[in-house]
Amino acid sequence: MAEQVTLYDTTLRDGMQGEGMSLSAQEKVRVAHALDELGIDLIEAGFPASNPKEAALFELLAGERFEHAAIAAFGMTRRREVAAADDPALQVLAECFAPVCTIVGKTWSLHLEKVTRVDPEENLAMIADSVAFLRGEGKRVIYDAEHFFDAWADDPDYALRCLRAAADAGAENLTLCDTNGATLPPAVGAATAAVVADLGDRVAVGIHTHDDAGLGVATALAAVTQGARLVQGTVNGYGERCGNANLMTVLANLQLKLGYDCVAPEQLGRLTETAHLIDELCNVSPNPNQPYVGANAFAHKGGMHVAGVNTDARTFEHIDPAVVGADRRLLISELSGKGTVAARAREIGADLGPDGAARVAERVKDLEHRGYHLEAADGSFDLLIRKEAGDYEALFGLESWRVIVEKVEGGAVRTEATIKIWVDGERYIRTAEGNGPVNALDRALRDAIRQRHPHLSEIELVNYKVRILDEDKGTGAVTRVLLDASDGTDSWGTIGVSENIIEASWEALVDSLEAGMLPGRLHHRRRRAEREVAPS
């Protein structure tokens, strides 16, 4: 049986110290449940003595049930010249429901001199007294040795004395913290090996790293290879400055690269879903280049790479994406060959015949030369394939459209769009107002065709991006418009390019609706509707 490594998440405490990070108490509960379902062992919920929101969170968590994870409360060693039992913050920890308490203490002489202003012996007493008090209150105690690696480089004997004080007082784990995130992996590994050799026979050793040198994951893994058996980190690497060790990456590397037993295979299969869910809860745009779970983690663009992946995915993928719940993406561009086109055609169920893929590939190169960017517009690319396959059917035939934008001095801007289209031999004329040209055109078009295509009501435009392609031409430059649309289950991008921004927007708008009505997406929506109305 593979050896186990304990996963300790500090997203709700250390992760929230990152710029712009803020969650309500209820949202933090949702994060905790997502981490529990992923198989995380310890969830550090925060510092219950720090503010009313944290106190409210612990009250909520006390009533929640977790299948696997234990909740940890965070705090500091007692204040100087105050008995541990009389320290208000330690009393809060002792009284809270959390079975685990994580106590951070000073280790580095610089902090003793500049921050706490206590002598080394008093610091040792503060560590021991705090751990012993919480142990006496029935808590499991993890001791976080703050700035341990800086302290080790400065005075390794005293750094070890701090750890021994915590171990002698009853701590079950000594976590070595690279608080400044600047120690290199070889140094972390050597220091961890020394601690394990000295104390590992009676207490577990953990690691807590930051990413200031871009090495948060590497240093955490270096510590594990030298005997650390608990790793602290945050979801997607959230945290102060450059962030903490990314626990998503650490988990995947521990289990898939180093062979440790961390979570069940089906839980590892939720890795991508969990990372994206917590990004959504934190209102953070997912990092597309994040290892394992990013949108580009298994994306292939070059023609030779796509050909290799189509032959044997191992040629350009280090793992099967499905293992971590990710998808393989074949990106289309002027660098792509017919293999990329053929693969996408198979995926959407389109038959391009013997030469169709080559023709589409040449068409893509021509469009990219004119300013299109089909890599970001999979919906438009799918329509291109359908047109070549001969199974494309336009939603309507355009006769004309017109947009009027009116600004009255001292008043609001009014926008009105009129469209004239043909659907199944019938002429429709519709006018609609909107908060801008694209919105007005969208409303007029939907009004004209919604009776024939009621499923359009499920499609929403969720993003609108404009880029000027030849800036030296000023207001006469060619404009690229990218639209993102979603039906609540699937999402896709479309594109339009023109010297006229409204024309480019219209092109992207029409593509977004037509791509949403393609057979594959329409089938998924119908299946979803059937499940929603099916009797339980």
Protein backbone atom coordinates (compact mmCIF):
# COMPACT_ATOMS: atom_id res chain seq x y z
CA MET A 1 0.00 0.00 0.00
CA ALA A 2 1.32 3.43 -0.93
CA GLU A 3 2.50 5.73 1.86
CA GLN A 4 0.12 8.53 2.81
CA VAL A 5 0.68 12.28 2.81
CA THR A 6 -1.78 14.45 4.74
CA LEU A 7 -3.27 17.33 2.75
CA TYR A 8 -3.86 20.51 4.73
CA ASP A 9 -5.76 23.35 3.06
CA THR A 10 -5.39 26.93 4.28
CA THR A 11 -7.42 28.67 1.56
CA LEU A 12 -9.95 30.04 4.04
CA ARG A 13 -7.23 31.67 6.13
CA ASP A 14 -3.93 32.19 4.32
CA GLY A 15 -5.55 32.22 0.88
CA MET A 16 -7.85 35.06 1.87
CA GLN A 17 -4.78 37.26 2.51
CA GLY A 18 -4.31 37.60 -1.25
CA GLU A 19 -5.26 40.90 -2.83
CA GLY A 20 -8.95 41.15 -3.69
CA MET A 21 -9.86 37.89 -1.94
CA SER A 22 -13.02 37.96 0.16
CA LEU A 23 -15.70 35.39 0.92
CA SER A 24 -18.78 35.54 3.11
CA ALA A 25 -19.11 33.02 5.92
CA GLN A 26 -21.68 31.08 3.87
CA GLU A 27 -19.37 30.98 0.85
CA LYS A 28 -16.55 29.69 3.03
CA VAL A 29 -18.79 26.83 4.13
CA ARG A 30 -19.33 25.93 0.46
CA VAL A 31 -15.57 25.95 -0.11
CA ALA A 32 -15.08 23.69 2.90
CA HIS A 33 -17.59 21.15 1.56
CA ALA A 34 -15.92 21.18 -1.87
CA LEU A 35 -12.56 20.48 -0.23
CA ASP A 36 -14.08 17.70 1.86
CA GLU A 37 -15.50 16.05 -1.26
CA LEU A 38 -12.08 16.29 -2.90
CA GLY A 39 -10.59 14.32 -0.01
CA ILE A 40 -8.63 17.05 1.77
CA ASP A 41 -7.72 15.87 5.27
CA LEU A 42 -7.51 19.13 7.21
CA ILE A 43 -9.28 22.41 6.44
CA GLU A 44 -7.95 25.45 8.25
CA ALA A 45 -11.08 27.55 8.58
CA GLY A 46 -9.43 30.67 9.96
CA PHE A 47 -8.64 32.60 13.11
CA PRO A 48 -11.85 32.58 15.20
CA ALA A 49 -10.58 35.35 17.50
CA SER A 50 -9.74 37.80 14.70
CA ASN A 51 -13.10 39.30 13.63
CA PRO A 52 -16.90 38.79 13.75
CA LYS A 53 -17.01 37.15 10.29
CA GLU A 54 -14.59 34.44 11.43
CA ALA A 55 -16.59 33.89 14.60
CA ALA A 56 -19.76 33.53 12.51
CA LEU A 57 -18.00 31.04 10.22
CA PHE A 58 -17.05 28.79 13.12
CA GLU A 59 -20.62 28.91 14.38
CA LEU A 60 -21.83 27.76 10.96
CA LEU A 61 -19.18 25.05 10.64
CA ALA A 62 -20.09 23.66 14.04
CA GLY A 63 -23.43 22.61 12.59
CA GLU A 64 -22.06 21.13 9.37
CA ARG A 65 -21.17 17.51 8.71
CA PHE A 66 -18.01 16.61 6.83
CA GLU A 67 -17.44 13.11 5.51
CA HIS A 68 -13.65 13.15 5.64
CA ALA A 69 -12.01 16.46 6.57
CA ALA A 70 -11.31 17.74 10.06
CA ILE A 71 -11.64 21.47 10.72
CA ALA A 72 -8.62 23.30 12.13
CA ALA A 73 -8.72 26.62 13.95
CA PHE A 74 -5.72 28.90 13.63
CA GLY A 75 -4.05 31.00 16.31
CA MET A 76 -0.77 32.24 17.73
CA THR A 77 1.30 31.43 20.77
CA ARG A 78 0.40 33.22 23.97
CA ARG A 79 1.34 36.82 24.43
CA ARG A 80 4.47 37.60 26.38
CA GLU A 81 4.09 37.83 30.13
CA VAL A 82 0.56 36.31 29.95
CA ALA A 83 -0.26 32.78 31.04
CA ALA A 84 -1.63 30.60 28.25
CA ALA A 85 -4.84 29.94 30.18
CA ASP A 86 -5.37 33.69 30.51
CA ASP A 87 -4.69 34.55 26.88
CA PRO A 88 -8.06 35.53 25.29
CA ALA A 89 -7.17 34.25 21.82
CA LEU A 90 -6.08 30.87 23.14
CA GLN A 91 -9.26 30.67 25.19
CA VAL A 92 -11.31 31.15 22.02
CA LEU A 93 -9.42 28.27 20.39
CA ALA A 94 -9.96 26.07 23.40
CA GLU A 95 -13.69 26.78 23.44
CA CYS A 96 -14.39 26.43 19.69
CA PHE A 97 -15.69 23.18 18.25
CA ALA A 98 -12.68 22.54 15.96
CA PRO A 99 -10.82 19.37 17.04
CA VAL A 100 -7.52 20.63 15.62
CA CYS A 101 -5.71 23.84 16.53
CA THR A 102 -2.80 25.17 14.50
CA ILE A 103 -0.51 27.46 16.46
CA VAL A 104 2.08 29.66 14.75
CA GLY A 105 5.16 30.75 16.66
CA LYS A 106 8.37 32.64 16.05
CA THR A 107 11.56 30.83 15.15
CA TRP A 108 13.83 33.44 13.58
CA SER A 109 15.93 35.76 15.78
CA LEU A 110 15.12 38.70 13.48
CA HIS A 111 11.46 38.43 14.47
CA LEU A 112 12.26 38.01 18.14
CA GLU A 113 14.22 41.25 18.01
CA LYS A 114 11.98 43.30 15.70
CA VAL A 115 8.43 41.93 16.12
CA THR A 116 7.70 40.13 19.39
CA ARG A 117 10.65 41.70 21.26
CA VAL A 118 11.13 38.75 23.56
CA ASP A 119 14.31 36.91 24.44
CA PRO A 120 14.89 33.42 23.02
CA GLU A 121 14.09 31.63 26.26
CA GLU A 122 10.77 33.43 26.69
CA ASN A 123 9.89 32.54 23.10
CA LEU A 124 10.51 28.85 23.86
CA ALA A 125 8.23 29.12 26.89
CA MET A 126 5.52 30.82 24.82
CA ILE A 127 5.61 27.91 22.36
CA ALA A 128 5.55 25.19 24.99
CA ASP A 129 2.91 26.81 27.19
CA SER A 130 0.52 27.41 24.27
CA VAL A 131 0.76 23.88 22.93
CA ALA A 132 0.46 22.33 26.38
CA PHE A 133 -2.60 24.44 27.24
CA LEU A 134 -4.49 23.39 24.11
CA ARG A 135 -3.48 19.77 24.55
CA GLY A 136 -4.83 19.97 28.07
CA GLU A 137 -8.12 21.21 26.62
CA GLY A 138 -8.33 18.08 24.48
CA LYS A 139 -7.20 19.59 21.18
CA ARG A 140 -4.95 18.07 18.58
CA VAL A 141 -2.20 20.62 17.96
CA ILE A 142 -0.17 21.40 14.86
CA TYR A 143 2.74 23.77 15.40
CA ASP A 144 3.65 26.09 12.49
CA ALA A 145 7.27 27.20 12.79
CA GLU A 146 7.12 30.59 11.09
CA HIS A 147 10.16 31.60 8.97
CA PHE A 148 11.71 28.25 9.83
CA PHE A 149 14.11 28.11 6.88
CA ASP A 150 15.39 31.64 7.47
CA ALA A 151 15.91 30.69 11.10
CA TRP A 152 17.64 27.47 10.07
CA ALA A 153 20.09 29.38 7.87
CA ASP A 154 20.74 31.84 10.71
CA ASP A 155 20.86 29.56 13.76
CA PRO A 156 19.91 25.91 13.19
CA ASP A 157 20.40 24.96 16.84
CA TYR A 158 17.81 27.47 18.05
CA ALA A 159 15.42 26.56 15.22
CA LEU A 160 15.51 22.95 16.42
CA ARG A 161 15.00 24.04 20.05
CA CYS A 162 11.76 25.76 18.99
CA LEU A 163 10.53 22.56 17.37
CA ARG A 164 11.52 20.46 20.35
CA ALA A 165 9.62 22.78 22.68
CA ALA A 166 6.44 22.21 20.68
CA ALA A 167 7.02 18.45 20.39
CA ASP A 168 7.74 18.05 24.10
CA ALA A 169 4.51 19.93 24.91
CA GLY A 170 2.44 17.51 22.84
CA ALA A 171 2.20 18.84 19.27
CA GLU A 172 1.33 16.05 16.84
CA ASN A 173 2.88 17.78 13.84
CA LEU A 174 5.69 20.29 13.34
CA THR A 175 5.17 22.22 10.11
CA LEU A 176 8.21 23.99 8.70
CA CYS A 177 7.20 27.30 7.09
CA ASP A 178 9.03 29.01 4.22
CA THR A 179 7.13 32.17 5.07
CA ASN A 180 9.04 34.47 2.72
CA GLY A 181 8.86 31.93 -0.13
CA ALA A 182 12.51 32.45 -1.06
CA THR A 183 14.28 29.25 0.00
CA LEU A 184 15.41 27.01 -2.86
CA PRO A 185 14.35 23.35 -3.02
CA PRO A 186 17.78 21.84 -2.16
CA ALA A 187 17.96 23.95 1.01
CA VAL A 188 14.39 23.06 1.99
CA GLY A 189 15.11 19.40 1.42
CA ALA A 190 18.33 19.44 3.47
CA ALA A 191 16.72 21.26 6.41
CA THR A 192 13.67 18.98 6.35
CA ALA A 193 15.90 15.89 6.33
CA ALA A 194 17.75 17.20 9.40
CA VAL A 195 14.48 17.82 11.29
CA VAL A 196 13.11 14.39 10.38
CA ALA A 197 16.33 12.79 11.54
CA ASP A 198 16.15 14.63 14.87
CA LEU A 199 12.42 14.48 15.65
CA GLY A 200 10.73 12.28 13.07
CA ASP A 201 10.69 9.22 15.29
CA ARG A 202 8.22 10.86 17.70
CA VAL A 203 6.34 13.57 15.79
CA ALA A 204 5.22 14.08 12.19
CA VAL A 205 6.81 16.83 10.10
CA GLY A 206 4.90 19.11 7.71
CA ILE A 207 5.74 21.78 5.13
CA HIS A 208 4.18 25.17 4.38
CA THR A 209 5.63 27.13 1.45
CA HIS A 210 4.98 30.31 -0.48
CA ASP A 211 5.58 31.11 -4.15
CA ASP A 212 7.63 34.31 -4.03
CA ALA A 213 10.44 32.68 -6.02
CA GLY A 214 8.04 30.68 -8.20
CA LEU A 215 8.98 27.51 -6.30
CA GLY A 216 6.14 26.96 -3.85
CA VAL A 217 5.19 23.57 -5.27
CA ALA A 218 8.80 22.51 -5.88
CA THR A 219 9.88 23.29 -2.31
CA ALA A 220 6.84 21.49 -0.87
CA LEU A 221 7.69 18.38 -2.91
CA ALA A 222 11.36 18.64 -1.91
CA ALA A 223 10.30 18.50 1.73
CA VAL A 224 8.09 15.46 1.12
CA THR A 225 10.92 13.58 -0.55
CA GLN A 226 12.94 14.15 2.64
CA GLY A 227 10.29 12.89 5.02
CA ALA A 228 7.60 15.56 5.45
CA ARG A 229 4.21 13.86 5.56
CA LEU A 230 1.85 16.84 5.74
CA VAL A 231 1.64 19.53 3.08
CA GLN A 232 -0.10 22.86 3.57
CA GLY A 233 -1.28 24.86 0.58
CA THR A 234 -4.17 26.76 -0.94
CA VAL A 235 -6.56 26.10 -3.81
CA ASN A 236 -5.08 27.45 -7.05
CA GLY A 237 -2.21 29.01 -5.09
CA TYR A 238 -4.20 31.88 -3.56
CA GLY A 239 -2.39 33.92 -0.94
CA GLU A 240 -0.48 37.03 -0.01
CA ARG A 241 2.12 38.48 -2.39
CA CYS A 242 2.77 35.73 -4.98
CA GLY A 243 0.58 33.22 -3.21
CA ASN A 244 1.00 29.92 -1.41
CA ALA A 245 1.94 26.52 -2.74
CA ASN A 246 -0.83 25.48 -5.12
CA LEU A 247 -2.47 22.52 -3.39
CA MET A 248 -4.15 21.40 -6.63
CA THR A 249 -0.75 20.98 -8.28
CA VAL A 250 0.81 19.50 -5.15
CA LEU A 251 -1.95 16.90 -4.86
CA ALA A 252 -1.65 15.79 -8.47
CA ASN A 253 2.14 15.60 -8.30
CA LEU A 254 2.16 13.68 -5.03
CA GLN A 255 -0.27 11.08 -6.29
CA LEU A 256 0.59 10.83 -9.98
CA LYS A 257 4.33 11.56 -9.99
CA LEU A 258 5.61 10.48 -6.58
CA GLY A 259 3.19 7.62 -5.92
CA TYR A 260 1.85 8.76 -2.54
CA ASP A 261 -1.66 7.89 -1.39
CA CYS A 262 -3.60 11.14 -0.99
CA VAL A 263 -7.17 10.80 -2.31
CA ALA A 264 -9.29 8.18 -4.03
CA PRO A 265 -9.09 8.04 -7.86
CA GLU A 266 -12.67 9.30 -8.22
CA GLN A 267 -11.81 12.24 -5.97
CA LEU A 268 -8.73 13.05 -8.05
CA GLY A 269 -11.10 13.06 -11.02
CA ARG A 270 -12.85 16.05 -9.40
CA LEU A 271 -9.65 18.12 -9.24
CA THR A 272 -10.42 20.36 -12.23
CA GLU A 273 -14.07 20.80 -11.26
CA THR A 274 -13.13 21.74 -7.70
CA ALA A 275 -10.45 24.21 -8.77
CA HIS A 276 -12.87 25.98 -11.10
CA LEU A 277 -15.75 25.93 -8.61
CA ILE A 278 -13.65 27.66 -5.96
CA ASP A 279 -12.37 30.17 -8.51
CA GLU A 280 -16.02 30.96 -9.23
CA LEU A 281 -16.90 31.33 -5.56
CA CYS A 282 -13.89 33.62 -5.05
CA ASN A 283 -14.75 35.64 -8.19
CA VAL A 284 -11.33 34.85 -9.66
CA SER A 285 -10.73 34.27 -13.37
CA PRO A 286 -9.24 30.78 -13.73
CA ASN A 287 -5.60 30.73 -14.77
CA PRO A 288 -5.69 28.99 -18.18
CA ASN A 289 -2.04 27.95 -17.85
CA GLN A 290 -2.35 26.37 -14.42
CA PRO A 291 -0.92 22.83 -14.37
CA TYR A 292 -3.37 19.96 -14.52
CA VAL A 293 -6.59 22.03 -14.19
CA GLY A 294 -6.04 25.05 -16.47
CA ALA A 295 -7.87 25.31 -19.78
CA ASN A 296 -4.54 25.10 -21.61
CA ALA A 297 -3.09 22.25 -19.55
CA PHE A 298 -3.97 19.78 -22.31
CA ALA A 299 -4.43 22.16 -25.24
CA HIS A 300 -2.59 21.51 -28.50
CA LYS A 301 -2.15 24.01 -31.30
CA GLY A 302 0.79 23.13 -33.52
CA GLY A 303 -0.03 20.79 -36.40
CA MET A 304 2.72 18.31 -35.53
CA HIS A 305 1.61 18.23 -31.89
CA VAL A 306 -2.01 17.57 -32.84
CA ALA A 307 -0.95 14.84 -35.24
CA GLY A 308 1.10 13.23 -32.48
CA VAL A 309 -1.73 13.41 -29.94
CA ASN A 310 -4.18 11.94 -32.46
CA THR A 311 -1.81 9.02 -32.98
CA ASP A 312 -0.83 8.49 -29.34
CA ALA A 313 -1.67 11.09 -26.71
CA ARG A 314 1.46 10.20 -24.73
CA THR A 315 3.58 11.95 -27.35
CA PHE A 316 2.61 15.39 -26.00
CA GLU A 317 0.68 14.73 -22.77
CA HIS A 318 2.31 13.69 -19.51
CA ILE A 319 -0.92 12.16 -18.12
CA ASP A 320 -4.39 11.26 -19.31
CA PRO A 321 -6.44 14.48 -18.79
CA ALA A 322 -9.42 12.45 -17.58
CA VAL A 323 -7.48 11.36 -14.49
CA VAL A 324 -7.81 14.90 -13.08
CA GLY A 325 -11.18 15.61 -14.69
CA ALA A 326 -9.74 17.75 -17.48
CA ASP A 327 -10.45 17.79 -21.23
CA ARG A 328 -8.09 17.67 -24.16
CA ARG A 329 -8.41 20.70 -26.43
CA LEU A 330 -7.23 20.92 -30.02
CA LEU A 331 -6.80 24.60 -30.84
CA ILE A 332 -7.38 25.85 -34.35
CA SER A 333 -5.18 28.50 -35.97
CA GLU A 334 -3.05 29.14 -39.03
CA LEU A 335 -0.51 26.77 -37.43
CA SER A 336 -2.97 23.89 -37.51
CA GLY A 337 -3.18 21.18 -40.11
CA LYS A 338 -6.00 19.08 -41.43
CA GLY A 339 -5.55 16.68 -38.50
CA THR A 340 -6.85 19.31 -36.09
CA VAL A 341 -9.85 19.95 -38.33
CA ALA A 342 -10.57 16.25 -38.75
CA ALA A 343 -10.36 15.65 -35.00
CA ARG A 344 -12.83 18.45 -34.25
CA ALA A 345 -15.16 17.24 -37.00
CA ARG A 346 -15.22 13.78 -35.45
CA GLU A 347 -15.89 15.32 -32.03
CA ILE A 348 -18.98 17.20 -33.24
CA GLY A 349 -20.18 14.41 -35.53
CA ALA A 350 -19.57 16.10 -38.90
CA ASP A 351 -18.51 14.15 -42.01
CA LEU A 352 -16.02 16.18 -44.05
CA GLY A 353 -15.29 13.49 -46.62
CA PRO A 354 -11.80 12.76 -48.01
CA ASP A 355 -10.69 16.32 -48.78
CA GLY A 356 -12.94 18.48 -46.61
CA ALA A 357 -10.51 18.79 -43.70
CA ALA A 358 -7.80 20.12 -45.98
CA ARG A 359 -10.17 22.71 -47.46
CA VAL A 360 -11.28 23.87 -44.01
CA ALA A 361 -7.63 24.14 -42.90
CA GLU A 362 -6.87 26.39 -45.87
CA ARG A 363 -9.97 28.45 -45.14
CA VAL A 364 -8.80 28.89 -41.55
CA LYS A 365 -5.41 30.17 -42.70
CA ASP A 366 -7.09 32.71 -44.96
CA LEU A 367 -9.41 33.90 -42.17
CA GLU A 368 -6.57 34.17 -39.66
CA HIS A 369 -4.64 36.27 -42.15
CA ARG A 370 -7.62 38.65 -42.33
CA GLY A 371 -7.71 39.06 -38.55
CA TYR A 372 -9.89 36.22 -37.32
CA HIS A 373 -8.77 34.33 -34.23
CA LEU A 374 -10.60 31.01 -34.34
CA GLU A 375 -8.73 29.56 -31.38
CA ALA A 376 -10.94 31.77 -29.21
CA ALA A 377 -14.08 31.12 -31.28
CA ASP A 378 -14.87 27.43 -31.23
CA GLY A 379 -18.49 28.14 -32.11
CA SER A 380 -17.54 29.91 -35.34
CA PHE A 381 -15.10 27.11 -36.14
CA ASP A 382 -17.82 24.48 -35.67
CA LEU A 383 -20.04 26.41 -38.10
CA LEU A 384 -17.17 26.51 -40.60
CA ILE A 385 -16.91 22.71 -40.41
CA ARG A 386 -20.67 22.27 -40.72
CA LYS A 387 -20.77 24.44 -43.82
CA GLU A 388 -18.03 22.35 -45.45
CA ALA A 389 -19.80 19.12 -44.43
CA GLY A 390 -23.00 20.34 -46.07
CA ASP A 391 -25.19 19.93 -42.98
CA TYR A 392 -25.36 23.61 -42.05
CA GLU A 393 -28.74 25.31 -42.12
CA ALA A 394 -28.99 29.04 -41.47
CA LEU A 395 -31.51 30.16 -38.89
CA PHE A 396 -32.70 32.90 -41.25
CA GLY A 397 -31.94 34.84 -44.41
CA LEU A 398 -30.93 38.46 -43.90
CA GLU A 399 -32.57 41.23 -45.90
CA SER A 400 -31.18 44.15 -43.88
CA TRP A 401 -30.56 45.57 -40.43
CA ARG A 402 -30.29 49.12 -39.18
CA VAL A 403 -29.15 50.62 -35.88
CA ILE A 404 -29.96 54.11 -34.65
CA VAL A 405 -28.09 55.59 -31.70
CA GLU A 406 -29.46 58.86 -30.40
CA LYS A 407 -27.98 61.13 -27.75
CA VAL A 408 -30.05 64.08 -26.54
CA GLU A 409 -28.23 66.84 -24.70
CA GLY A 410 -28.62 66.29 -20.99
CA GLY A 411 -30.40 62.99 -21.53
CA ALA A 412 -29.63 59.32 -21.87
CA VAL A 413 -28.36 57.52 -24.98
CA ARG A 414 -31.13 55.61 -26.78
CA THR A 415 -30.38 52.73 -29.13
CA GLU A 416 -32.85 51.16 -31.54
CA ALA A 417 -32.33 48.32 -34.00
CA THR A 418 -34.55 47.20 -36.86
CA ILE A 419 -34.02 43.93 -38.72
CA LYS A 420 -35.68 42.48 -41.83
CA ILE A 421 -35.18 38.74 -42.29
CA TRP A 422 -36.72 35.73 -44.02
CA VAL A 423 -37.50 32.46 -42.23
CA ASP A 424 -39.02 29.54 -44.17
CA GLY A 425 -40.31 31.87 -46.89
CA GLU A 426 -41.89 34.37 -44.50
CA ARG A 427 -40.65 37.94 -44.05
CA TYR A 428 -40.21 39.30 -40.53
CA ILE A 429 -39.61 42.89 -39.52
CA ARG A 430 -38.77 43.60 -35.91
CA THR A 431 -37.62 46.66 -33.99
CA ALA A 432 -36.18 46.61 -30.47
CA GLU A 433 -34.48 48.97 -28.08
CA GLY A 434 -31.41 48.05 -26.10
CA ASN A 435 -28.65 49.44 -23.94
CA GLY A 436 -26.35 49.41 -26.97
CA PRO A 437 -26.24 48.29 -30.60
CA VAL A 438 -25.41 44.66 -29.88
CA ASN A 439 -28.11 44.32 -27.24
CA ALA A 440 -30.70 45.97 -29.49
CA LEU A 441 -29.82 43.75 -32.47
CA ASP A 442 -29.87 40.66 -30.25
CA ARG A 443 -33.33 41.50 -28.91
CA ALA A 444 -34.77 42.28 -32.34
CA LEU A 445 -33.37 39.09 -33.86
CA ARG A 446 -34.59 36.87 -31.06
CA ASP A 447 -38.05 38.45 -31.26
CA ALA A 448 -38.21 37.60 -34.95
CA ILE A 449 -37.22 33.93 -34.75
CA ARG A 450 -38.05 32.77 -31.23
CA GLN A 451 -41.37 31.19 -32.28
CA ARG A 452 -39.58 28.98 -34.81
CA HIS A 453 -36.62 28.35 -32.48
CA PRO A 454 -37.83 28.47 -28.85
CA HIS A 455 -34.57 26.98 -27.54
CA LEU A 456 -32.85 30.28 -28.27
CA SER A 457 -34.28 31.53 -24.98
CA GLU A 458 -31.76 29.31 -23.17
CA ILE A 459 -28.77 30.99 -24.83
CA GLU A 460 -27.27 34.02 -23.13
CA LEU A 461 -24.38 36.24 -24.16
CA VAL A 462 -21.94 36.28 -21.23
CA ASN A 463 -18.97 38.24 -22.56
CA TYR A 464 -18.16 40.79 -25.24
CA LYS A 465 -14.61 41.74 -26.18
CA VAL A 466 -13.34 44.17 -28.80
CA ARG A 467 -9.82 44.50 -30.17
CA ILE A 468 -8.42 46.96 -32.70
CA LEU A 469 -6.19 45.10 -35.16
CA ASP A 470 -4.40 47.93 -37.01
CA GLU A 471 -4.05 50.75 -34.51
CA ASP A 472 -2.26 53.10 -36.89
CA LYS A 473 -5.53 53.61 -38.78
CA GLY A 474 -7.27 55.12 -35.76
CA THR A 475 -11.05 55.05 -35.90
CA GLY A 476 -10.91 53.47 -39.37
CA ALA A 477 -9.09 50.39 -38.10
CA VAL A 478 -10.30 46.81 -38.54
CA THR A 479 -12.10 45.62 -35.41
CA ARG A 480 -12.28 42.10 -34.03
CA VAL A 481 -15.25 41.23 -31.83
CA LEU A 482 -15.35 38.11 -29.68
CA LEU A 483 -18.57 36.95 -28.02
CA ASP A 484 -18.93 34.22 -25.42
CA ALA A 485 -22.31 32.53 -25.07
CA SER A 486 -23.68 29.89 -22.72
CA ASP A 487 -26.81 27.77 -22.37
CA GLY A 488 -26.14 26.94 -18.73
CA THR A 489 -24.51 23.64 -19.63
CA ASP A 490 -22.09 24.42 -22.42
CA SER A 491 -20.28 27.58 -23.48
CA TRP A 492 -18.73 28.64 -26.78
CA GLY A 493 -17.06 31.60 -28.44
CA THR A 494 -17.74 33.30 -31.78
CA ILE A 495 -16.00 36.01 -33.76
CA GLY A 496 -16.62 38.79 -36.23
CA VAL A 497 -14.10 41.01 -38.06
CA SER A 498 -14.86 44.22 -39.93
CA GLU A 499 -13.87 47.87 -40.24
CA ASN A 500 -17.33 48.57 -38.83
CA ILE A 501 -17.61 47.50 -35.18
CA ILE A 502 -21.37 46.95 -35.40
CA GLU A 503 -21.01 44.71 -38.46
CA ALA A 504 -18.31 42.70 -36.68
CA SER A 505 -20.61 42.43 -33.66
CA TRP A 506 -23.52 41.29 -35.84
CA GLU A 507 -21.39 38.56 -37.39
CA ALA A 508 -20.31 37.29 -33.98
CA LEU A 509 -23.87 37.56 -32.65
CA VAL A 510 -25.40 35.50 -35.45
CA ASP A 511 -22.67 32.88 -35.11
CA SER A 512 -23.28 32.65 -31.36
CA LEU A 513 -26.96 31.84 -31.86
CA GLU A 514 -26.39 29.45 -34.77
CA ALA A 515 -23.58 27.65 -32.92
CA GLY A 516 -25.88 27.27 -29.93
CA MET A 517 -28.46 25.56 -32.14
CA LEU A 518 -26.07 23.01 -33.64
CA PRO A 519 -27.23 19.40 -33.19
CA GLY A 520 -24.83 18.50 -30.38
CA ARG A 521 -25.65 21.44 -28.13
CA LEU A 522 -29.38 21.27 -28.87
CA HIS A 523 -29.35 17.57 -27.97
CA HIS A 524 -27.65 18.26 -24.63
CA ARG A 525 -30.22 20.94 -23.76
CA ARG A 526 -33.14 18.67 -24.64
CA ARG A 527 -31.69 15.86 -22.52
CA ARG A 528 -31.23 18.29 -19.63
CA ALA A 529 -34.85 19.47 -19.95
CA GLU A 530 -36.07 15.86 -19.94
CA ARG A 531 -34.12 15.14 -16.75
CA GLU A 532 -35.54 18.24 -15.07
CA VAL A 533 -39.16 17.24 -15.73
CA ALA A 534 -38.69 13.51 -15.14
CA PRO A 535 -40.42 12.20 -11.99
CA SER A 536 -38.11 11.50 -9.09
